[in-house]
């Protein structure tokens, strides 16, 4: 659980990210470290990045559902639309991501 002071600081950084305003490098480093250590902080930061990349999504649609559930990667350049070979499927499931959703806290 985040303290009020940390949450307010993170929400300030997240609001700047959503609006596309500049954020200092030290603030981004702090926010990323906090997001890796705390699930709530990670959710706040991912939602801000998703909103900055995709903008407002129509309410009630699939994108809105995914955003509210905090599912998927916020960066569309990381999305896959399919696999060409069985080896690509094996590689995708065996990759070692530190932010992997399958990893336990």
PDB file of N, CA and C in Angstrom:
ATOM      1  N   UNK A   1       0.836  -1.173   0.000  1.00  0.00           N
ATOM      2  CA  UNK A   1       0.000   0.000   0.000  1.00  0.00           C
ATOM      3  C   UNK A   1       0.884   1.240   0.000  1.00  0.00           C
ATOM      4  N   UNK A   2       0.498   2.212  -0.804  1.00  0.00           N
ATOM      5  CA  UNK A   2       1.262   3.451  -0.919  1.00  0.00           C
ATOM      6  C   UNK A   2       0.864   4.442   0.163  1.00  0.00           C
ATOM      7  N   UNK A   3       1.853   5.159   0.662  1.00  0.00           N
ATOM      8  CA  UNK A   3       1.523   6.240   1.582  1.00  0.00           C
ATOM      9  C   UNK A   3       0.880   7.372   0.781  1.00  0.00           C
ATOM     10  N   UNK A   4       0.193   8.244   1.473  1.00  0.00           N
ATOM     11  CA  UNK A   4      -0.480   9.358   0.800  1.00  0.00           C
ATOM     12  C   UNK A   4       0.527  10.238   0.086  1.00  0.00           C
ATOM     13  N   UNK A   5       1.660  10.483   0.715  1.00  0.00           N
ATOM     14  CA  UNK A   5       2.693  11.338   0.122  1.00  0.00           C
ATOM     15  C   UNK A   5       3.220  10.744  -1.192  1.00  0.00           C
ATOM     16  N   UNK A   6       3.526   9.451  -1.174  1.00  0.00           N
ATOM     17  CA  UNK A   6       4.031   8.803  -2.389  1.00  0.00           C
ATOM     18  C   UNK A   6       2.971   8.758  -3.486  1.00  0.00           C
ATOM     19  N   UNK A   7       1.731   8.430  -3.095  1.00  0.00           N
ATOM     20  CA  UNK A   7       0.656   8.352  -4.079  1.00  0.00           C
ATOM     21  C   UNK A   7       0.412   9.702  -4.744  1.00  0.00           C
ATOM     22  N   UNK A   8       0.389  10.773  -3.968  1.00  0.00           N
ATOM     23  CA  UNK A   8       0.169  12.100  -4.539  1.00  0.00           C
ATOM     24  C   UNK A   8       1.305  12.505  -5.478  1.00  0.00           C
ATOM     25  N   UNK A   9       2.534  12.175  -5.083  1.00  0.00           N
ATOM     26  CA  UNK A   9       3.684  12.485  -5.952  1.00  0.00           C
ATOM     27  C   UNK A   9       3.603  11.694  -7.256  1.00  0.00           C
ATOM     28  N   UNK A  10       3.245  10.415  -7.146  1.00  0.00           N
ATOM     29  CA  UNK A  10       3.118   9.582  -8.338  1.00  0.00           C
ATOM     30  C   UNK A  10       1.967  10.050  -9.222  1.00  0.00           C
ATOM     31  N   UNK A  11       0.856  10.416  -8.628  1.00  0.00           N
ATOM     32  CA  UNK A  11      -0.278  10.917  -9.411  1.00  0.00           C
ATOM     33  C   UNK A  11       0.069  12.212 -10.132  1.00  0.00           C
ATOM     34  N   UNK A  12       0.901  13.055  -9.532  1.00  0.00           N
ATOM     35  CA  UNK A  12       1.355  14.279 -10.194  1.00  0.00           C
ATOM     36  C   UNK A  12       2.185  13.935 -11.433  1.00  0.00           C
ATOM     37  N   UNK A  13       3.105  12.981 -11.277  1.00  0.00           N
ATOM     38  CA  UNK A  13       3.925  12.547 -12.413  1.00  0.00           C
ATOM     39  C   UNK A  13       3.045  11.908 -13.482  1.00  0.00           C
ATOM     40  N   UNK A  14       2.096  11.063 -13.067  1.00  0.00           N
ATOM     41  CA  UNK A  14       1.208  10.387 -14.015  1.00  0.00           C
ATOM     42  C   UNK A  14       0.343  11.388 -14.777  1.00  0.00           C
ATOM     43  N   UNK A  15      -0.121  12.425 -14.111  1.00  0.00           N
ATOM     44  CA  UNK A  15      -0.928  13.442 -14.786  1.00  0.00           C
ATOM     45  C   UNK A  15      -0.118  14.164 -15.849  1.00  0.00           C
ATOM     46  N   UNK A  16       1.144  14.407 -15.578  1.00  0.00           N
ATOM     47  CA  UNK A  16       2.010  15.059 -16.571  1.00  0.00           C
ATOM     48  C   UNK A  16       2.247  14.129 -17.769  1.00  0.00           C
ATOM     49  N   UNK A  17       2.397  12.843 -17.497  1.00  0.00           N
ATOM     50  CA  UNK A  17       2.581  11.873 -18.582  1.00  0.00           C
ATOM     51  C   UNK A  17       1.331  11.831 -19.447  1.00  0.00           C
ATOM     52  N   UNK A  18       0.153  11.771 -18.831  1.00  0.00           N
ATOM     53  CA  UNK A  18      -1.110  11.715 -19.578  1.00  0.00           C
ATOM     54  C   UNK A  18      -1.267  12.909 -20.502  1.00  0.00           C
ATOM     55  N   UNK A  19      -0.881  14.088 -20.030  1.00  0.00           N
ATOM     56  CA  UNK A  19      -1.045  15.314 -20.810  1.00  0.00           C
ATOM     57  C   UNK A  19       0.064  15.512 -21.831  1.00  0.00           C
ATOM     58  N   UNK A  20       1.094  14.661 -21.789  1.00  0.00           N
ATOM     59  CA  UNK A  20       2.206  14.798 -22.719  1.00  0.00           C
ATOM     60  C   UNK A  20       3.160  15.898 -22.325  1.00  0.00           C
ATOM     61  N   UNK A  21       3.121  16.313 -21.085  1.00  0.00           N
ATOM     62  CA  UNK A  21       4.005  17.365 -20.595  1.00  0.00           C
ATOM     63  C   UNK A  21       5.344  16.749 -20.207  1.00  0.00           C
ATOM     64  N   UNK A  22       6.401  17.551 -20.223  1.00  0.00           N
ATOM     65  CA  UNK A  22       7.719  17.010 -19.871  1.00  0.00           C
ATOM     66  C   UNK A  22       7.798  16.607 -18.395  1.00  0.00           C
ATOM     67  N   UNK A  23       8.506  15.511 -18.153  1.00  0.00           N
ATOM     68  CA  UNK A  23       8.736  15.009 -16.801  1.00  0.00           C
ATOM     69  C   UNK A  23      10.242  14.867 -16.635  1.00  0.00           C
ATOM     70  N   UNK A  24      10.759  15.337 -15.514  1.00  0.00           N
ATOM     71  CA  UNK A  24      12.196  15.261 -15.273  1.00  0.00           C
ATOM     72  C   UNK A  24      12.657  13.806 -15.213  1.00  0.00           C
ATOM     73  N   UNK A  25      13.884  13.589 -15.641  1.00  0.00           N
ATOM     74  CA  UNK A  25      14.451  12.243 -15.657  1.00  0.00           C
ATOM     75  C   UNK A  25      14.463  11.633 -14.259  1.00  0.00           C
ATOM     76  N   UNK A  26      14.830  12.417 -13.248  1.00  0.00           N
ATOM     77  CA  UNK A  26      14.873  11.883 -11.884  1.00  0.00           C
ATOM     78  C   UNK A  26      13.487  11.445 -11.426  1.00  0.00           C
ATOM     79  N   UNK A  27      12.452  12.196 -11.821  1.00  0.00           N
ATOM     80  CA  UNK A  27      11.079  11.820 -11.465  1.00  0.00           C
ATOM     81  C   UNK A  27      10.660  10.529 -12.163  1.00  0.00           C
ATOM     82  N   UNK A  28      11.032  10.373 -13.432  1.00  0.00           N
ATOM     83  CA  UNK A  28      10.690   9.156 -14.165  1.00  0.00           C
ATOM     84  C   UNK A  28      11.408   7.941 -13.587  1.00  0.00           C
ATOM     85  N   UNK A  29      12.665   8.116 -13.230  1.00  0.00           N
ATOM     86  CA  UNK A  29      13.413   7.013 -12.626  1.00  0.00           C
ATOM     87  C   UNK A  29      12.756   6.612 -11.309  1.00  0.00           C
ATOM     88  N   UNK A  30      12.398   7.606 -10.494  1.00  0.00           N
ATOM     89  CA  UNK A  30      11.737   7.321  -9.222  1.00  0.00           C
ATOM     90  C   UNK A  30      10.406   6.597  -9.453  1.00  0.00           C
ATOM     91  N   UNK A  31       9.614   7.086 -10.410  1.00  0.00           N
ATOM     92  CA  UNK A  31       8.304   6.490 -10.680  1.00  0.00           C
ATOM     93  C   UNK A  31       8.453   5.054 -11.187  1.00  0.00           C
ATOM     94  N   UNK A  32       9.418   4.811 -12.069  1.00  0.00           N
ATOM     95  CA  UNK A  32       9.633   3.448 -12.571  1.00  0.00           C
ATOM     96  C   UNK A  32      10.054   2.490 -11.466  1.00  0.00           C
ATOM     97  N   UNK A  33      10.954   2.940 -10.593  1.00  0.00           N
ATOM     98  CA  UNK A  33      11.380   2.084  -9.479  1.00  0.00           C
ATOM     99  C   UNK A  33      10.206   1.775  -8.550  1.00  0.00           C
ATOM    100  N   UNK A  34       9.415   2.789  -8.271  1.00  0.00           N
ATOM    101  CA  UNK A  34       8.250   2.583  -7.410  1.00  0.00           C
ATOM    102  C   UNK A  34       7.255   1.632  -8.074  1.00  0.00           C
ATOM    103  N   UNK A  35       7.053   1.790  -9.388  1.00  0.00           N
ATOM    104  CA  UNK A  35       6.113   0.937 -10.118  1.00  0.00           C
ATOM    105  C   UNK A  35       6.563  -0.521 -10.125  1.00  0.00           C
ATOM    106  N   UNK A  36       7.864  -0.760 -10.153  1.00  0.00           N
ATOM    107  CA  UNK A  36       8.364  -2.138 -10.123  1.00  0.00           C
ATOM    108  C   UNK A  36       8.226  -2.762  -8.743  1.00  0.00           C
ATOM    109  N   UNK A  37       8.263  -1.914  -7.700  1.00  0.00           N
ATOM    110  CA  UNK A  37       8.205  -2.418  -6.334  1.00  0.00           C
ATOM    111  C   UNK A  37       6.784  -2.511  -5.788  1.00  0.00           C
ATOM    112  N   UNK A  38       5.850  -1.764  -6.383  1.00  0.00           N
ATOM    113  CA  UNK A  38       4.497  -1.698  -5.839  1.00  0.00           C
ATOM    114  C   UNK A  38       3.481  -1.858  -6.962  1.00  0.00           C
ATOM    115  N   UNK A  39       2.588  -2.803  -6.816  1.00  0.00           N
ATOM    116  CA  UNK A  39       1.610  -3.108  -7.857  1.00  0.00           C
ATOM    117  C   UNK A  39       0.659  -1.934  -8.115  1.00  0.00           C
ATOM    118  N   UNK A  40       0.204  -1.246  -7.084  1.00  0.00           N
ATOM    119  CA  UNK A  40      -0.697  -0.103  -7.254  1.00  0.00           C
ATOM    120  C   UNK A  40      -0.012   1.024  -8.017  1.00  0.00           C
ATOM    121  N   UNK A  41       1.242   1.258  -7.695  1.00  0.00           N
ATOM    122  CA  UNK A  41       2.004   2.302  -8.385  1.00  0.00           C
ATOM    123  C   UNK A  41       2.194   1.929  -9.854  1.00  0.00           C
ATOM    124  N   UNK A  42       2.460   0.657 -10.106  1.00  0.00           N
ATOM    125  CA  UNK A  42       2.606   0.204 -11.487  1.00  0.00           C
ATOM    126  C   UNK A  42       1.339   0.401 -12.289  1.00  0.00           C
ATOM    127  N   UNK A  43       0.205   0.138 -11.658  1.00  0.00           N
ATOM    128  CA  UNK A  43      -1.084   0.322 -12.330  1.00  0.00           C
ATOM    129  C   UNK A  43      -1.318   1.793 -12.677  1.00  0.00           C
ATOM    130  N   UNK A  44      -1.017   2.684 -11.753  1.00  0.00           N
ATOM    131  CA  UNK A  44      -1.192   4.122 -12.003  1.00  0.00           C
ATOM    132  C   UNK A  44      -0.323   4.559 -13.161  1.00  0.00           C
ATOM    133  N   UNK A  45       0.919   4.119 -13.176  1.00  0.00           N
ATOM    134  CA  UNK A  45       1.850   4.518 -14.234  1.00  0.00           C
ATOM    135  C   UNK A  45       1.455   3.923 -15.583  1.00  0.00           C
ATOM    136  N   UNK A  46       1.039   2.648 -15.614  1.00  0.00           N
ATOM    137  CA  UNK A  46       0.614   2.025 -16.878  1.00  0.00           C
ATOM    138  C   UNK A  46      -0.616   2.721 -17.453  1.00  0.00           C
ATOM    139  N   UNK A  47      -1.582   3.049 -16.592  1.00  0.00           N
ATOM    140  CA  UNK A  47      -2.779   3.744 -17.078  1.00  0.00           C
ATOM    141  C   UNK A  47      -2.440   5.110 -17.662  1.00  0.00           C
ATOM    142  N   UNK A  48      -1.512   5.814 -17.028  1.00  0.00           N
ATOM    143  CA  UNK A  48      -1.108   7.120 -17.543  1.00  0.00           C
ATOM    144  C   UNK A  48      -0.430   6.980 -18.903  1.00  0.00           C
ATOM    145  N   UNK A  49       0.431   5.988 -19.026  1.00  0.00           N
ATOM    146  CA  UNK A  49       1.127   5.777 -20.310  1.00  0.00           C
ATOM    147  C   UNK A  49       0.137   5.351 -21.398  1.00  0.00           C
ATOM    148  N   UNK A  50      -0.798   4.476 -21.029  1.00  0.00           N
ATOM    149  CA  UNK A  50      -1.796   4.022 -22.000  1.00  0.00           C
ATOM    150  C   UNK A  50      -2.645   5.196 -22.485  1.00  0.00           C
ATOM    151  N   UNK A  51      -3.056   6.046 -21.557  1.00  0.00           N
ATOM    152  CA  UNK A  51      -3.886   7.197 -21.918  1.00  0.00           C
ATOM    153  C   UNK A  51      -3.101   8.185 -22.777  1.00  0.00           C
ATOM    154  N   UNK A  52      -1.804   8.340 -22.496  1.00  0.00           N
ATOM    155  CA  UNK A  52      -0.973   9.240 -23.294  1.00  0.00           C
ATOM    156  C   UNK A  52      -0.814   8.718 -24.718  1.00  0.00           C
ATOM    157  N   UNK A  53      -0.728   7.397 -24.869  1.00  0.00           N
ATOM    158  CA  UNK A  53      -0.534   6.802 -26.190  1.00  0.00           C
ATOM    159  C   UNK A  53      -1.825   6.711 -26.995  1.00  0.00           C
ATOM    160  N   UNK A  54      -2.921   6.357 -26.336  1.00  0.00           N
ATOM    161  CA  UNK A  54      -4.163   6.108 -27.074  1.00  0.00           C
ATOM    162  C   UNK A  54      -5.177   7.230 -26.958  1.00  0.00           C
ATOM    163  N   UNK A  55      -5.004   8.122 -25.990  1.00  0.00           N
ATOM    164  CA  UNK A  55      -5.982   9.182 -25.785  1.00  0.00           C
ATOM    165  C   UNK A  55      -7.218   8.642 -25.096  1.00  0.00           C
ATOM    166  N   UNK A  56      -8.284   9.398 -25.150  1.00  0.00           N
ATOM    167  CA  UNK A  56      -9.540   8.973 -24.530  1.00  0.00           C
ATOM    168  C   UNK A  56     -10.164   7.846 -25.359  1.00  0.00           C
ATOM    169  N   UNK A  57     -10.651   6.818 -24.676  1.00  0.00           N
ATOM    170  CA  UNK A  57     -11.316   5.718 -25.369  1.00  0.00           C
ATOM    171  C   UNK A  57     -12.813   5.819 -25.117  1.00  0.00           C
ATOM    172  N   UNK A  58     -13.626   5.461 -26.113  1.00  0.00           N
ATOM    173  CA  UNK A  58     -15.072   5.519 -25.923  1.00  0.00           C
ATOM    174  C   UNK A  58     -15.514   4.590 -24.795  1.00  0.00           C
ATOM    175  N   UNK A  59     -16.393   5.083 -23.956  1.00  0.00           N
ATOM    176  CA  UNK A  59     -16.847   4.299 -22.808  1.00  0.00           C
ATOM    177  C   UNK A  59     -17.693   3.119 -23.277  1.00  0.00           C
ATOM    178  N   UNK A  60     -17.454   1.970 -22.653  1.00  0.00           N
ATOM    179  CA  UNK A  60     -18.239   0.783 -22.951  1.00  0.00           C
ATOM    180  C   UNK A  60     -17.633  -0.116 -24.003  1.00  0.00           C
ATOM    181  N   UNK A  61     -16.554   0.301 -24.660  1.00  0.00           N
ATOM    182  CA  UNK A  61     -15.925  -0.515 -25.689  1.00  0.00           C
ATOM    183  C   UNK A  61     -14.898  -1.470 -25.110  1.00  0.00           C
ATOM    184  N   UNK A  62     -14.324  -2.280 -25.969  1.00  0.00           N
ATOM    185  CA  UNK A  62     -13.324  -3.242 -25.544  1.00  0.00           C
ATOM    186  C   UNK A  62     -12.077  -2.542 -25.014  1.00  0.00           C
ATOM    187  N   UNK A  63     -11.642  -1.477 -25.682  1.00  0.00           N
ATOM    188  CA  UNK A  63     -10.470  -0.738 -25.217  1.00  0.00           C
ATOM    189  C   UNK A  63     -10.712  -0.152 -23.834  1.00  0.00           C
ATOM    190  N   UNK A  64     -11.897   0.355 -23.591  1.00  0.00           N
ATOM    191  CA  UNK A  64     -12.241   0.887 -22.280  1.00  0.00           C
ATOM    192  C   UNK A  64     -12.174  -0.214 -21.226  1.00  0.00           C
ATOM    193  N   UNK A  65     -12.691  -1.385 -21.554  1.00  0.00           N
ATOM    194  CA  UNK A  65     -12.643  -2.527 -20.632  1.00  0.00           C
ATOM    195  C   UNK A  65     -11.201  -2.901 -20.306  1.00  0.00           C
ATOM    196  N   UNK A  66     -10.362  -3.019 -21.328  1.00  0.00           N
ATOM    197  CA  UNK A  66      -8.963  -3.382 -21.116  1.00  0.00           C
ATOM    198  C   UNK A  66      -8.249  -2.334 -20.273  1.00  0.00           C
ATOM    199  N   UNK A  67      -8.542  -1.057 -20.519  1.00  0.00           N
ATOM    200  CA  UNK A  67      -7.924   0.012 -19.739  1.00  0.00           C
ATOM    201  C   UNK A  67      -8.354  -0.048 -18.280  1.00  0.00           C
ATOM    202  N   UNK A  68      -9.633  -0.250 -18.051  1.00  0.00           N
ATOM    203  CA  UNK A  68     -10.125  -0.291 -16.664  1.00  0.00           C
ATOM    204  C   UNK A  68      -9.605  -1.512 -15.910  1.00  0.00           C
ATOM    205  N   UNK A  69      -9.415  -2.607 -16.615  1.00  0.00           N
ATOM    206  CA  UNK A  69      -8.909  -3.822 -15.975  1.00  0.00           C
ATOM    207  C   UNK A  69      -7.382  -3.848 -15.929  1.00  0.00           C
ATOM    208  N   UNK A  70      -6.745  -2.856 -16.534  1.00  0.00           N
ATOM    209  CA  UNK A  70      -5.285  -2.763 -16.599  1.00  0.00           C
ATOM    210  C   UNK A  70      -4.684  -4.014 -17.240  1.00  0.00           C
ATOM    211  N   UNK A  71      -5.262  -4.398 -18.379  1.00  0.00           N
ATOM    212  CA  UNK A  71      -4.803  -5.574 -19.107  1.00  0.00           C
ATOM    213  C   UNK A  71      -4.046  -5.144 -20.354  1.00  0.00           C
ATOM    214  N   UNK A  72      -3.028  -5.889 -20.690  1.00  0.00           N
ATOM    215  CA  UNK A  72      -2.296  -5.636 -21.916  1.00  0.00           C
ATOM    216  C   UNK A  72      -1.189  -4.611 -21.738  1.00  0.00           C
ATOM    217  N   UNK A  73      -0.331  -4.566 -22.730  1.00  0.00           N
ATOM    218  CA  UNK A  73       0.784  -3.632 -22.748  1.00  0.00           C
ATOM    219  C   UNK A  73       0.291  -2.282 -23.249  1.00  0.00           C
ATOM    220  N   UNK A  74       0.612  -1.187 -22.553  1.00  0.00           N
ATOM    221  CA  UNK A  74       0.138   0.114 -23.001  1.00  0.00           C
ATOM    222  C   UNK A  74       0.784   0.589 -24.300  1.00  0.00           C
ATOM    223  N   UNK A  75       1.914   0.012 -24.679  1.00  0.00           N
ATOM    224  CA  UNK A  75       2.614   0.440 -25.887  1.00  0.00           C
ATOM    225  C   UNK A  75       2.176  -0.413 -27.078  1.00  0.00           C
ATOM    226  N   UNK A  76       1.466   0.184 -28.061  1.00  0.00           N
ATOM    227  CA  UNK A  76       0.980  -0.603 -29.204  1.00  0.00           C
ATOM    228  C   UNK A  76       2.089  -1.222 -30.047  1.00  0.00           C
ATOM    229  N   UNK A  77       3.307  -0.684 -29.986  1.00  0.00           N
ATOM    230  CA  UNK A  77       4.396  -1.257 -30.779  1.00  0.00           C
ATOM    231  C   UNK A  77       4.827  -2.624 -30.242  1.00  0.00           C
ATOM    232  N   UNK A  78       4.425  -2.963 -29.035  1.00  0.00           N
ATOM    233  CA  UNK A  78       4.758  -4.268 -28.459  1.00  0.00           C
ATOM    234  C   UNK A  78       3.683  -5.317 -28.692  1.00  0.00           C
ATOM    235  N   UNK A  79       2.586  -4.957 -29.336  1.00  0.00           N
ATOM    236  CA  UNK A  79       1.475  -5.890 -29.548  1.00  0.00           C
ATOM    237  C   UNK A  79       1.802  -6.867 -30.674  1.00  0.00           C
ATOM    238  N   UNK A  80       1.315  -8.100 -30.537  1.00  0.00           N
ATOM    239  CA  UNK A  80       1.483  -9.117 -31.563  1.00  0.00           C
ATOM    240  C   UNK A  80       0.134  -9.426 -32.173  1.00  0.00           C
ATOM    241  N   UNK A  81       0.127  -9.654 -33.467  1.00  0.00           N
ATOM    242  CA  UNK A  81      -1.131 -10.019 -34.119  1.00  0.00           C
ATOM    243  C   UNK A  81      -1.138 -11.476 -34.557  1.00  0.00           C
ATOM    244  N   UNK A  82      -0.048 -12.173 -34.333  1.00  0.00           N
ATOM    245  CA  UNK A  82       0.007 -13.580 -34.698  1.00  0.00           C
ATOM    246  C   UNK A  82       1.433 -14.089 -34.699  1.00  0.00           C
ATOM    247  N   UNK A  83       1.584 -15.387 -34.948  1.00  0.00           N
ATOM    248  CA  UNK A  83       2.889 -16.018 -34.994  1.00  0.00           C
ATOM    249  C   UNK A  83       3.065 -16.660 -36.362  1.00  0.00           C
ATOM    250  N   UNK A  84       4.295 -16.635 -36.861  1.00  0.00           N
ATOM    251  CA  UNK A  84       4.587 -17.225 -38.166  1.00  0.00           C
ATOM    252  C   UNK A  84       5.079 -18.664 -38.050  1.00  0.00           C
ATOM    253  N   UNK A  85       5.768 -18.973 -36.954  1.00  0.00           N
ATOM    254  CA  UNK A  85       6.313 -20.319 -36.784  1.00  0.00           C
ATOM    255  C   UNK A  85       6.030 -20.819 -35.372  1.00  0.00           C
ATOM    256  N   UNK A  86       6.051 -22.126 -35.183  1.00  0.00           N
ATOM    257  CA  UNK A  86       5.886 -22.663 -33.823  1.00  0.00           C
ATOM    258  C   UNK A  86       7.004 -22.213 -32.881  1.00  0.00           C
ATOM    259  N   UNK A  87       8.205 -21.982 -33.425  1.00  0.00           N
ATOM    260  CA  UNK A  87       9.324 -21.530 -32.595  1.00  0.00           C
ATOM    261  C   UNK A  87       9.041 -20.157 -31.975  1.00  0.00           C
ATOM    262  N   UNK A  88       8.336 -19.280 -32.711  1.00  0.00           N
ATOM    263  CA  UNK A  88       7.983 -17.971 -32.176  1.00  0.00           C
ATOM    264  C   UNK A  88       7.026 -18.097 -30.994  1.00  0.00           C
ATOM    265  N   UNK A  89       6.125 -19.075 -31.059  1.00  0.00           N
ATOM    266  CA  UNK A  89       5.201 -19.306 -29.951  1.00  0.00           C
ATOM    267  C   UNK A  89       5.974 -19.779 -28.726  1.00  0.00           C
ATOM    268  N   UNK A  90       6.884 -20.723 -28.920  1.00  0.00           N
ATOM    269  CA  UNK A  90       7.693 -21.227 -27.814  1.00  0.00           C
ATOM    270  C   UNK A  90       8.515 -20.101 -27.212  1.00  0.00           C
ATOM    271  N   UNK A  91       9.119 -19.262 -28.043  1.00  0.00           N
ATOM    272  CA  UNK A  91       9.933 -18.146 -27.556  1.00  0.00           C
ATOM    273  C   UNK A  91       9.085 -17.161 -26.773  1.00  0.00           C
ATOM    274  N   UNK A  92       7.879 -16.887 -27.236  1.00  0.00           N
ATOM    275  CA  UNK A  92       7.019 -15.917 -26.566  1.00  0.00           C
ATOM    276  C   UNK A  92       6.635 -16.393 -25.166  1.00  0.00           C
ATOM    277  N   UNK A  93       6.317 -17.682 -25.029  1.00  0.00           N
ATOM    278  CA  UNK A  93       5.927 -18.209 -23.729  1.00  0.00           C
ATOM    279  C   UNK A  93       7.112 -18.451 -22.803  1.00  0.00           C
ATOM    280  N   UNK A  94       8.315 -18.555 -23.332  1.00  0.00           N
ATOM    281  CA  UNK A  94       9.468 -18.833 -22.478  1.00  0.00           C
ATOM    282  C   UNK A  94      10.315 -17.600 -22.197  1.00  0.00           C
ATOM    283  N   UNK A  95       9.935 -16.449 -22.697  1.00  0.00           N
ATOM    284  CA  UNK A  95      10.731 -15.235 -22.455  1.00  0.00           C
ATOM    285  C   UNK A  95      10.709 -14.882 -20.978  1.00  0.00           C
ATOM    286  N   UNK A  96      11.748 -14.200 -20.530  1.00  0.00           N
ATOM    287  CA  UNK A  96      11.893 -13.850 -19.119  1.00  0.00           C
ATOM    288  C   UNK A  96      11.727 -12.341 -18.969  1.00  0.00           C
ATOM    289  N   UNK A  97      10.498 -11.901 -18.681  1.00  0.00           N
ATOM    290  CA  UNK A  97      10.209 -10.479 -18.494  1.00  0.00           C
ATOM    291  C   UNK A  97      10.102 -10.175 -17.018  1.00  0.00           C
ATOM    292  N   UNK A  98      10.739  -9.095 -16.589  1.00  0.00           N
ATOM    293  CA  UNK A  98      10.645  -8.719 -15.179  1.00  0.00           C
ATOM    294  C   UNK A  98       9.250  -8.188 -14.844  1.00  0.00           C
ATOM    295  N   UNK A  99       8.541  -7.627 -15.829  1.00  0.00           N
ATOM    296  CA  UNK A  99       7.199  -7.095 -15.606  1.00  0.00           C
ATOM    297  C   UNK A  99       6.128  -8.087 -16.041  1.00  0.00           C
ATOM    298  N   UNK A 100       6.497  -9.350 -16.100  1.00  0.00           N
ATOM    299  CA  UNK A 100       5.597 -10.385 -16.583  1.00  0.00           C
ATOM    300  C   UNK A 100       4.405 -10.543 -15.648  1.00  0.00           C
ATOM    301  N   UNK A 101       3.203 -10.564 -16.188  1.00  0.00           N
ATOM    302  CA  UNK A 101       1.986 -10.692 -15.390  1.00  0.00           C
ATOM    303  C   UNK A 101       1.873 -12.049 -14.725  1.00  0.00           C
ATOM    304  N   UNK A 102       2.610 -13.037 -15.251  1.00  0.00           N
ATOM    305  CA  UNK A 102       2.551 -14.372 -14.665  1.00  0.00           C
ATOM    306  C   UNK A 102       3.442 -14.485 -13.434  1.00  0.00           C
ATOM    307  N   UNK A 103       4.295 -13.495 -13.212  1.00  0.00           N
ATOM    308  CA  UNK A 103       5.218 -13.534 -12.084  1.00  0.00           C
ATOM    309  C   UNK A 103       4.492 -13.204 -10.784  1.00  0.00           C
ATOM    310  N   UNK A 104       4.784 -13.931  -9.766  1.00  0.00           N
ATOM    311  CA  UNK A 104       4.142 -13.707  -8.473  1.00  0.00           C
ATOM    312  C   UNK A 104       4.847 -12.584  -7.722  1.00  0.00           C
ATOM    313  N   UNK A 105       4.081 -11.816  -6.941  1.00  0.00           N
ATOM    314  CA  UNK A 105       4.661 -10.731  -6.143  1.00  0.00           C
ATOM    315  C   UNK A 105       5.577 -11.247  -5.067  1.00  0.00           C
TER     316      UNK A 105
END
